[in-house]
């Protein structure tokens, strides 16, 4: 269940973060509600994950996948294409998360 909770937390956070731009500084009601509810769900499920998984590992997975998914959302929703250095940086972040997950004994 821990990884399911983490997936829910990540997806809720990515949804909320992606809606931030659409909220236009919280002047648009529906996107603003998505932001608030999304972050509430994300943080609730992250607290469930933290019962089992160390905070550093949890946050590494959360932020690594979140960066990639928010970037994909930016491409799809806002036509914001990352350049090569940005893509390489994300690849390195994901590689770091994979190394932690495969080789770390703290998971």
N, C-alpha and C. Protein backbone atom coordinates (compact mmCIF):
# COMPACT_ATOMS: atom_id res chain seq x y z
N UNK A 1 0.82 -1.21 0.00
CA UNK A 1 0.00 0.00 0.00
C UNK A 1 0.86 1.27 0.00
N UNK A 2 2.07 1.17 0.52
CA UNK A 2 2.93 2.35 0.62
C UNK A 2 3.17 2.98 -0.75
N UNK A 3 3.48 2.15 -1.74
CA UNK A 3 3.75 2.71 -3.06
C UNK A 3 2.49 3.23 -3.73
N UNK A 4 1.36 2.63 -3.44
CA UNK A 4 0.09 3.17 -3.95
C UNK A 4 -0.18 4.54 -3.35
N UNK A 5 0.03 4.67 -2.04
CA UNK A 5 -0.15 5.97 -1.38
C UNK A 5 0.82 7.01 -1.95
N UNK A 6 2.06 6.58 -2.20
CA UNK A 6 3.03 7.51 -2.76
C UNK A 6 2.62 7.93 -4.17
N UNK A 7 2.11 7.01 -4.95
CA UNK A 7 1.65 7.34 -6.30
C UNK A 7 0.49 8.33 -6.25
N UNK A 8 -0.44 8.10 -5.33
CA UNK A 8 -1.57 9.04 -5.18
C UNK A 8 -1.06 10.42 -4.78
N UNK A 9 -0.12 10.46 -3.83
CA UNK A 9 0.44 11.74 -3.38
C UNK A 9 1.13 12.46 -4.52
N UNK A 10 1.90 11.74 -5.31
CA UNK A 10 2.63 12.35 -6.43
C UNK A 10 1.65 12.87 -7.48
N UNK A 11 0.67 12.06 -7.84
CA UNK A 11 -0.30 12.49 -8.85
C UNK A 11 -1.12 13.69 -8.38
N UNK A 12 -1.48 13.71 -7.10
CA UNK A 12 -2.23 14.85 -6.56
C UNK A 12 -1.37 16.11 -6.57
N UNK A 13 -0.09 15.96 -6.22
CA UNK A 13 0.81 17.11 -6.21
C UNK A 13 1.05 17.63 -7.62
N UNK A 14 1.23 16.73 -8.56
CA UNK A 14 1.45 17.13 -9.95
C UNK A 14 0.21 17.83 -10.50
N UNK A 15 -0.96 17.33 -10.17
CA UNK A 15 -2.21 17.96 -10.60
C UNK A 15 -2.31 19.37 -10.01
N UNK A 16 -2.03 19.49 -8.71
CA UNK A 16 -2.10 20.80 -8.05
C UNK A 16 -1.08 21.77 -8.62
N UNK A 17 0.14 21.31 -8.81
CA UNK A 17 1.19 22.18 -9.34
C UNK A 17 0.86 22.61 -10.76
N UNK A 18 0.34 21.70 -11.55
CA UNK A 18 -0.03 22.03 -12.93
C UNK A 18 -1.17 23.04 -12.98
N UNK A 19 -2.04 23.01 -12.00
CA UNK A 19 -3.17 23.94 -11.95
C UNK A 19 -2.76 25.32 -11.44
N UNK A 20 -1.58 25.45 -10.86
CA UNK A 20 -1.15 26.77 -10.35
C UNK A 20 -1.14 27.82 -11.45
N UNK A 21 -0.60 27.48 -12.60
CA UNK A 21 -0.56 28.46 -13.69
C UNK A 21 -1.97 28.85 -14.13
N UNK A 22 -2.84 27.84 -14.23
CA UNK A 22 -4.22 28.11 -14.66
C UNK A 22 -5.00 28.92 -13.64
N UNK A 23 -4.58 28.89 -12.37
CA UNK A 23 -5.29 29.65 -11.34
C UNK A 23 -5.07 31.15 -11.47
N UNK A 24 -4.07 31.53 -12.28
CA UNK A 24 -3.73 32.94 -12.49
C UNK A 24 -3.66 33.70 -11.18
N UNK A 25 -2.72 33.25 -10.34
CA UNK A 25 -2.49 33.85 -9.02
C UNK A 25 -3.73 33.80 -8.14
N UNK A 26 -4.42 32.67 -8.19
CA UNK A 26 -5.63 32.40 -7.39
C UNK A 26 -6.77 33.37 -7.71
N UNK A 27 -6.81 33.85 -8.94
CA UNK A 27 -7.93 34.71 -9.34
C UNK A 27 -9.02 33.91 -10.09
N UNK A 28 -8.72 32.69 -10.48
CA UNK A 28 -9.69 31.80 -11.14
C UNK A 28 -10.12 30.74 -10.14
N UNK A 29 -11.41 30.65 -9.90
CA UNK A 29 -11.94 29.80 -8.82
C UNK A 29 -11.64 28.32 -9.00
N UNK A 30 -12.03 27.73 -10.11
CA UNK A 30 -11.90 26.28 -10.26
C UNK A 30 -10.44 25.80 -10.22
N UNK A 31 -9.53 26.41 -10.97
CA UNK A 31 -8.13 25.99 -10.85
C UNK A 31 -7.57 26.19 -9.44
N UNK A 32 -8.02 27.25 -8.76
CA UNK A 32 -7.57 27.49 -7.38
C UNK A 32 -8.05 26.39 -6.45
N UNK A 33 -9.27 25.92 -6.64
CA UNK A 33 -9.79 24.81 -5.84
C UNK A 33 -8.99 23.55 -6.12
N UNK A 34 -8.66 23.31 -7.39
CA UNK A 34 -7.84 22.14 -7.75
C UNK A 34 -6.49 22.20 -7.04
N UNK A 35 -5.89 23.37 -6.98
CA UNK A 35 -4.60 23.54 -6.30
C UNK A 35 -4.73 23.18 -4.82
N UNK A 36 -5.69 23.76 -4.16
CA UNK A 36 -5.85 23.57 -2.71
C UNK A 36 -6.19 22.12 -2.37
N UNK A 37 -7.15 21.56 -3.08
CA UNK A 37 -7.56 20.18 -2.81
C UNK A 37 -6.43 19.22 -3.19
N UNK A 38 -5.77 19.48 -4.30
CA UNK A 38 -4.66 18.61 -4.74
C UNK A 38 -3.54 18.56 -3.73
N UNK A 39 -3.13 19.72 -3.22
CA UNK A 39 -2.06 19.73 -2.22
C UNK A 39 -2.52 19.07 -0.92
N UNK A 40 -3.76 19.27 -0.52
CA UNK A 40 -4.27 18.63 0.70
C UNK A 40 -4.21 17.11 0.56
N UNK A 41 -4.66 16.60 -0.57
CA UNK A 41 -4.61 15.15 -0.80
C UNK A 41 -3.16 14.67 -0.83
N UNK A 42 -2.32 15.40 -1.52
CA UNK A 42 -0.91 15.02 -1.64
C UNK A 42 -0.24 14.92 -0.28
N UNK A 43 -0.43 15.93 0.55
CA UNK A 43 0.23 15.92 1.85
C UNK A 43 -0.36 14.87 2.78
N UNK A 44 -1.65 14.62 2.69
CA UNK A 44 -2.26 13.57 3.50
C UNK A 44 -1.65 12.20 3.15
N UNK A 45 -1.62 11.89 1.87
CA UNK A 45 -1.09 10.58 1.48
C UNK A 45 0.42 10.49 1.72
N UNK A 46 1.12 11.62 1.63
CA UNK A 46 2.55 11.58 1.95
C UNK A 46 2.77 11.26 3.43
N UNK A 47 1.90 11.74 4.30
CA UNK A 47 2.05 11.40 5.73
C UNK A 47 1.86 9.90 5.95
N UNK A 48 0.98 9.28 5.16
CA UNK A 48 0.80 7.84 5.27
C UNK A 48 2.06 7.09 4.83
N UNK A 49 2.68 7.58 3.77
CA UNK A 49 3.92 6.97 3.28
C UNK A 49 5.03 7.10 4.31
N UNK A 50 5.09 8.24 4.97
CA UNK A 50 6.17 8.49 5.93
C UNK A 50 6.08 7.61 7.18
N UNK A 51 4.97 6.93 7.38
CA UNK A 51 4.88 5.95 8.47
C UNK A 51 5.81 4.78 8.22
N UNK A 52 6.08 4.49 6.95
CA UNK A 52 6.82 3.29 6.57
C UNK A 52 8.18 3.61 5.95
N UNK A 53 8.23 4.63 5.12
CA UNK A 53 9.42 4.92 4.33
C UNK A 53 10.17 6.12 4.92
N UNK A 54 11.50 6.09 4.91
CA UNK A 54 12.27 7.24 5.41
C UNK A 54 11.96 8.51 4.62
N UNK A 55 12.00 9.63 5.30
CA UNK A 55 11.61 10.91 4.69
C UNK A 55 12.50 11.26 3.50
N UNK A 56 13.79 11.00 3.58
CA UNK A 56 14.69 11.34 2.47
C UNK A 56 14.39 10.55 1.22
N UNK A 57 14.13 9.28 1.38
CA UNK A 57 13.81 8.42 0.25
C UNK A 57 12.45 8.80 -0.33
N UNK A 58 11.49 9.03 0.56
CA UNK A 58 10.15 9.44 0.12
C UNK A 58 10.23 10.72 -0.70
N UNK A 59 10.96 11.69 -0.20
CA UNK A 59 11.03 12.97 -0.89
C UNK A 59 11.81 12.86 -2.19
N UNK A 60 12.83 12.00 -2.24
CA UNK A 60 13.58 11.82 -3.49
C UNK A 60 12.67 11.26 -4.58
N UNK A 61 11.88 10.26 -4.23
CA UNK A 61 10.95 9.68 -5.21
C UNK A 61 9.89 10.70 -5.60
N UNK A 62 9.32 11.36 -4.59
CA UNK A 62 8.28 12.37 -4.79
C UNK A 62 8.77 13.47 -5.74
N UNK A 63 9.94 14.03 -5.43
CA UNK A 63 10.42 15.16 -6.23
C UNK A 63 10.91 14.72 -7.60
N UNK A 64 11.57 13.57 -7.68
CA UNK A 64 12.07 13.10 -8.97
C UNK A 64 10.94 12.85 -9.96
N UNK A 65 9.97 12.07 -9.53
CA UNK A 65 8.84 11.79 -10.41
C UNK A 65 8.00 13.05 -10.64
N UNK A 66 7.86 13.86 -9.61
CA UNK A 66 7.09 15.10 -9.73
C UNK A 66 7.67 16.03 -10.78
N UNK A 67 8.99 16.18 -10.78
CA UNK A 67 9.64 17.06 -11.75
C UNK A 67 9.35 16.60 -13.18
N UNK A 68 9.51 15.31 -13.40
CA UNK A 68 9.28 14.77 -14.74
C UNK A 68 7.81 14.92 -15.14
N UNK A 69 6.90 14.56 -14.25
CA UNK A 69 5.47 14.62 -14.58
C UNK A 69 4.98 16.05 -14.76
N UNK A 70 5.47 16.98 -13.93
CA UNK A 70 5.07 18.39 -14.11
C UNK A 70 5.63 18.93 -15.43
N UNK A 71 6.82 18.51 -15.80
CA UNK A 71 7.38 18.93 -17.08
C UNK A 71 6.52 18.41 -18.24
N UNK A 72 6.09 17.15 -18.14
CA UNK A 72 5.21 16.59 -19.17
C UNK A 72 3.89 17.37 -19.21
N UNK A 73 3.34 17.68 -18.04
CA UNK A 73 2.11 18.47 -17.99
C UNK A 73 2.33 19.84 -18.62
N UNK A 74 3.48 20.45 -18.37
CA UNK A 74 3.79 21.75 -18.97
C UNK A 74 3.86 21.68 -20.49
N UNK A 75 4.39 20.57 -21.00
CA UNK A 75 4.45 20.38 -22.45
C UNK A 75 3.03 20.26 -23.01
N UNK A 76 2.22 19.41 -22.38
CA UNK A 76 0.88 19.11 -22.89
C UNK A 76 -0.08 20.29 -22.70
N UNK A 77 -0.09 20.86 -21.50
CA UNK A 77 -1.08 21.88 -21.17
C UNK A 77 -0.70 23.29 -21.60
N UNK A 78 0.61 23.59 -21.53
CA UNK A 78 1.03 24.98 -21.72
C UNK A 78 2.05 25.17 -22.85
N UNK A 79 2.31 24.09 -23.61
CA UNK A 79 3.24 24.15 -24.73
C UNK A 79 4.61 24.69 -24.30
N UNK A 80 5.08 24.24 -23.13
CA UNK A 80 6.37 24.67 -22.59
C UNK A 80 7.39 23.55 -22.79
N UNK A 81 8.11 23.59 -23.89
CA UNK A 81 9.04 22.54 -24.25
C UNK A 81 10.40 22.77 -23.55
N UNK A 82 10.88 21.78 -22.77
CA UNK A 82 12.19 21.95 -22.13
C UNK A 82 13.31 21.81 -23.16
N UNK A 83 14.43 22.50 -22.90
CA UNK A 83 15.56 22.37 -23.80
C UNK A 83 16.42 21.17 -23.38
N UNK A 84 17.47 20.92 -24.14
CA UNK A 84 18.31 19.74 -23.90
C UNK A 84 18.92 19.72 -22.50
N UNK A 85 19.49 20.82 -22.00
CA UNK A 85 20.03 20.78 -20.64
C UNK A 85 18.98 20.44 -19.58
N UNK A 86 17.75 20.93 -19.77
CA UNK A 86 16.69 20.62 -18.82
C UNK A 86 16.36 19.13 -18.86
N UNK A 87 16.29 18.57 -20.05
CA UNK A 87 16.00 17.13 -20.19
C UNK A 87 17.13 16.31 -19.58
N UNK A 88 18.37 16.69 -19.85
CA UNK A 88 19.51 15.96 -19.26
C UNK A 88 19.48 16.04 -17.73
N UNK A 89 19.15 17.19 -17.21
CA UNK A 89 19.06 17.34 -15.75
C UNK A 89 17.99 16.43 -15.17
N UNK A 90 16.85 16.34 -15.83
CA UNK A 90 15.78 15.46 -15.35
C UNK A 90 16.19 14.00 -15.44
N UNK A 91 16.91 13.64 -16.50
CA UNK A 91 17.41 12.27 -16.62
C UNK A 91 18.33 11.95 -15.44
N UNK A 92 19.19 12.88 -15.08
CA UNK A 92 20.09 12.67 -13.95
C UNK A 92 19.32 12.55 -12.63
N UNK A 93 18.28 13.34 -12.47
CA UNK A 93 17.47 13.25 -11.25
C UNK A 93 16.80 11.88 -11.17
N UNK A 94 16.21 11.44 -12.26
CA UNK A 94 15.56 10.13 -12.27
C UNK A 94 16.59 9.02 -12.04
N UNK A 95 17.76 9.16 -12.63
CA UNK A 95 18.82 8.17 -12.41
C UNK A 95 19.21 8.12 -10.94
N UNK A 96 19.29 9.27 -10.30
CA UNK A 96 19.60 9.31 -8.87
C UNK A 96 18.55 8.61 -8.03
N UNK A 97 17.29 8.81 -8.37
CA UNK A 97 16.20 8.14 -7.64
C UNK A 97 16.29 6.63 -7.85
N UNK A 98 16.57 6.21 -9.07
CA UNK A 98 16.70 4.77 -9.35
C UNK A 98 17.87 4.19 -8.57
N UNK A 99 19.00 4.87 -8.55
CA UNK A 99 20.17 4.39 -7.80
C UNK A 99 19.82 4.25 -6.32
N UNK A 100 19.15 5.25 -5.76
CA UNK A 100 18.74 5.17 -4.35
C UNK A 100 17.84 3.97 -4.12
N UNK A 101 16.88 3.80 -5.01
CA UNK A 101 15.89 2.73 -4.83
C UNK A 101 16.51 1.34 -4.99
N UNK A 102 17.41 1.20 -5.95
CA UNK A 102 18.00 -0.12 -6.22
C UNK A 102 19.10 -0.48 -5.23
N UNK A 103 19.92 0.49 -4.86
CA UNK A 103 21.11 0.17 -4.07
C UNK A 103 21.05 0.56 -2.59
N UNK A 104 20.14 1.43 -2.21
CA UNK A 104 20.08 1.88 -0.82
C UNK A 104 19.44 0.83 0.06
N UNK A 105 19.98 0.67 1.24
CA UNK A 105 19.42 -0.26 2.21
C UNK A 105 18.40 0.42 3.12
N UNK A 106 18.15 1.71 2.90
CA UNK A 106 17.19 2.43 3.75
C UNK A 106 15.75 2.29 3.28
N UNK A 107 15.54 1.67 2.14
CA UNK A 107 14.17 1.50 1.63
C UNK A 107 13.60 0.20 2.15
